[in-house]
C-alpha atoms as a PDB file:
ATOM      1  CA  MET A   1       0.000   0.000   0.000  1.00  0.00           C
ATOM      2  CA  VAL A   2       1.245   3.484  -0.833  1.00  0.00           C
ATOM      3  CA  ARG A   3       0.559   6.359   1.538  1.00  0.00           C
ATOM      4  CA  VAL A   4       0.496   9.808  -0.016  1.00  0.00           C
ATOM      5  CA  TYR A   5       1.051  12.574   2.495  1.00  0.00           C
ATOM      6  CA  SER A   6      -0.270  16.072   2.051  1.00  0.00           C
ATOM      7  CA  SER A   7       0.936  19.419   3.318  1.00  0.00           C
ATOM      8  CA  LEU A   8      -1.804  19.144   5.938  1.00  0.00           C
ATOM      9  CA  ASP A   9       0.055  16.161   7.427  1.00  0.00           C
ATOM     10  CA  GLY A  10       3.145  18.334   7.859  1.00  0.00           C
ATOM     11  CA  PHE A  11       4.930  16.555   5.017  1.00  0.00           C
ATOM     12  CA  PRO A  12       5.703  17.909   1.558  1.00  0.00           C
ATOM     13  CA  THR A  13       3.346  16.657  -1.144  1.00  0.00           C
ATOM     14  CA  PRO A  14       4.885  14.518  -3.914  1.00  0.00           C
ATOM     15  CA  ALA A  15       5.098  17.643  -6.096  1.00  0.00           C
ATOM     16  CA  GLU A  16       6.874  19.572  -3.319  1.00  0.00           C
ATOM     17  CA  GLN A  17       9.181  16.776  -2.204  1.00  0.00           C
ATOM     18  CA  PRO A  18      12.103  17.209  -4.673  1.00  0.00           C
ATOM     19  CA  ALA A  19      12.487  20.898  -3.786  1.00  0.00           C
ATOM     20  CA  TYR A  20      12.028  20.137  -0.092  1.00  0.00           C
ATOM     21  CA  CYS A  21      14.865  17.612  -0.299  1.00  0.00           C
ATOM     22  CA  GLY A  22      17.108  20.232  -1.910  1.00  0.00           C
ATOM     23  CA  HIS A  23      17.069  18.979  -5.492  1.00  0.00           C
ATOM     24  CA  ALA A  24      17.545  21.502  -8.290  1.00  0.00           C
ATOM     25  CA  GLU A  25      15.515  19.681 -10.936  1.00  0.00           C
ATOM     26  CA  VAL A  26      13.351  16.701 -11.800  1.00  0.00           C
ATOM     27  CA  ILE A  27      14.167  14.716 -14.933  1.00  0.00           C
ATOM     28  CA  LEU A  28      11.901  12.146 -16.529  1.00  0.00           C
ATOM     29  CA  HIS A  29      11.758  10.154 -19.739  1.00  0.00           C
ATOM     30  CA  THR A  30       8.835   9.119 -21.937  1.00  0.00           C
ATOM     31  CA  THR A  31       8.115   7.754 -25.404  1.00  0.00           C
ATOM     32  CA  ALA A  32       6.084   9.031 -28.350  1.00  0.00           C
ATOM     33  CA  ALA A  33       3.389   6.457 -27.507  1.00  0.00           C
ATOM     34  CA  MET A  34       2.744   8.256 -24.206  1.00  0.00           C
ATOM     35  CA  GLN A  35       1.078  11.371 -25.652  1.00  0.00           C
ATOM     36  CA  THR A  36      -1.334  11.770 -22.720  1.00  0.00           C
ATOM     37  CA  ALA A  37       1.564  11.685 -20.255  1.00  0.00           C
ATOM     38  CA  TRP A  38       3.607  13.987 -22.516  1.00  0.00           C
ATOM     39  CA  ALA A  39       0.800  16.594 -22.429  1.00  0.00           C
ATOM     40  CA  MET A  40       0.474  16.214 -18.647  1.00  0.00           C
ATOM     41  CA  TYR A  41       4.223  16.829 -18.167  1.00  0.00           C
ATOM     42  CA  GLU A  42       4.027  19.986 -20.265  1.00  0.00           C
ATOM     43  CA  ARG A  43       1.031  21.242 -18.230  1.00  0.00           C
ATOM     44  CA  MET A  44       3.141  20.654 -15.113  1.00  0.00           C
ATOM     45  CA  SER A  45       5.849  22.974 -16.602  1.00  0.00           C
ATOM     46  CA  PHE A  46       8.290  20.240 -17.663  1.00  0.00           C
ATOM     47  CA  VAL A  47      10.171  21.219 -20.827  1.00  0.00           C
ATOM     48  CA  ARG A  48      11.711  19.010 -23.481  1.00  0.00           C
ATOM     49  CA  ALA A  49      15.431  18.444 -22.930  1.00  0.00           C
ATOM     50  CA  GLU A  50      16.820  16.958 -26.145  1.00  0.00           C
ATOM     51  CA  GLU A  51      20.215  16.380 -24.518  1.00  0.00           C
ATOM     52  CA  LEU A  52      18.511  13.703 -22.373  1.00  0.00           C
ATOM     53  CA  ASP A  53      17.099  11.744 -25.341  1.00  0.00           C
ATOM     54  CA  PHE A  54      18.409   8.261 -26.127  1.00  0.00           C
ATOM     55  CA  LEU A  55      17.498   5.046 -27.939  1.00  0.00           C
ATOM     56  CA  GLN A  56      16.274   2.044 -25.958  1.00  0.00           C
ATOM     57  CA  GLU A  57      16.386  -1.116 -28.090  1.00  0.00           C
ATOM     58  CA  GLY A  58      15.869   1.032 -31.184  1.00  0.00           C
ATOM     59  CA  PHE A  59      12.998   3.099 -29.762  1.00  0.00           C
ATOM     60  CA  PRO A  60      13.482   6.823 -29.124  1.00  0.00           C
ATOM     61  CA  VAL A  61      13.077   7.888 -25.514  1.00  0.00           C
ATOM     62  CA  TYR A  62      12.518  11.605 -24.861  1.00  0.00           C
ATOM     63  CA  GLY A  63      13.782  13.570 -21.871  1.00  0.00           C
ATOM     64  CA  PHE A  64      11.941  16.277 -19.943  1.00  0.00           C
ATOM     65  CA  ARG A  65      13.231  18.580 -17.221  1.00  0.00           C
ATOM     66  CA  LEU A  66      11.530  20.653 -14.524  1.00  0.00           C
ATOM     67  CA  ARG A  67      13.864  23.173 -12.897  1.00  0.00           C
ATOM     68  CA  LEU A  68      13.107  23.706  -9.224  1.00  0.00           C
ATOM     69  CA  ARG A  69      15.788  26.302  -8.547  1.00  0.00           C
ATOM     70  CA  SER A  70      18.626  27.983 -10.398  1.00  0.00           C
ATOM     71  CA  ALA A  71      22.035  26.296 -10.362  1.00  0.00           C
ATOM     72  CA  GLY A  72      23.516  29.076  -8.180  1.00  0.00           C
ATOM     73  CA  GLU A  73      20.589  29.244  -5.767  1.00  0.00           C
ATOM     74  CA  PRO A  74      21.256  27.855  -2.297  1.00  0.00           C
ATOM     75  CA  ARG A  75      19.325  24.840  -1.068  1.00  0.00           C
ATOM     76  CA  VAL A  76      16.512  26.108   1.102  1.00  0.00           C
ATOM     77  CA  ARG A  77      14.043  23.821   2.803  1.00  0.00           C
ATOM     78  CA  SER A  78      10.438  24.784   3.179  1.00  0.00           C
ATOM     79  CA  ALA A  79       8.649  24.130   6.442  1.00  0.00           C
ATOM     80  CA  GLY A  80       8.100  20.449   7.021  1.00  0.00           C
ATOM     81  CA  PRO A  81       8.993  17.571   9.275  1.00  0.00           C
ATOM     82  CA  ALA A  82      12.454  17.304  10.791  1.00  0.00           C
ATOM     83  CA  ARG A  83      14.595  14.533   9.361  1.00  0.00           C
ATOM     84  CA  ALA A  84      17.936  13.017  10.148  1.00  0.00           C
ATOM     85  CA  THR A  85      20.911  14.388   8.268  1.00  0.00           C
ATOM     86  CA  ASP A  86      23.962  12.491   7.057  1.00  0.00           C
END
């Protein structure tokens, strides 16, 4: 069973989690057959990143990127639950 937490639980939502964890971007891959998903990614502000494209067993796989912060921006955590650090 998968438990999805919301901001009301004091946890970042799945959409907020990468930024909360300090990541600068989210990268995903899809194929031409996944047009519904492709449109959804674009509505979520992902942009095509041709440098991430590759062939998988002869089929083109397309990369998308969603920037969460600029490369020079410091990692800043939003309010949320405390967690252990390394």
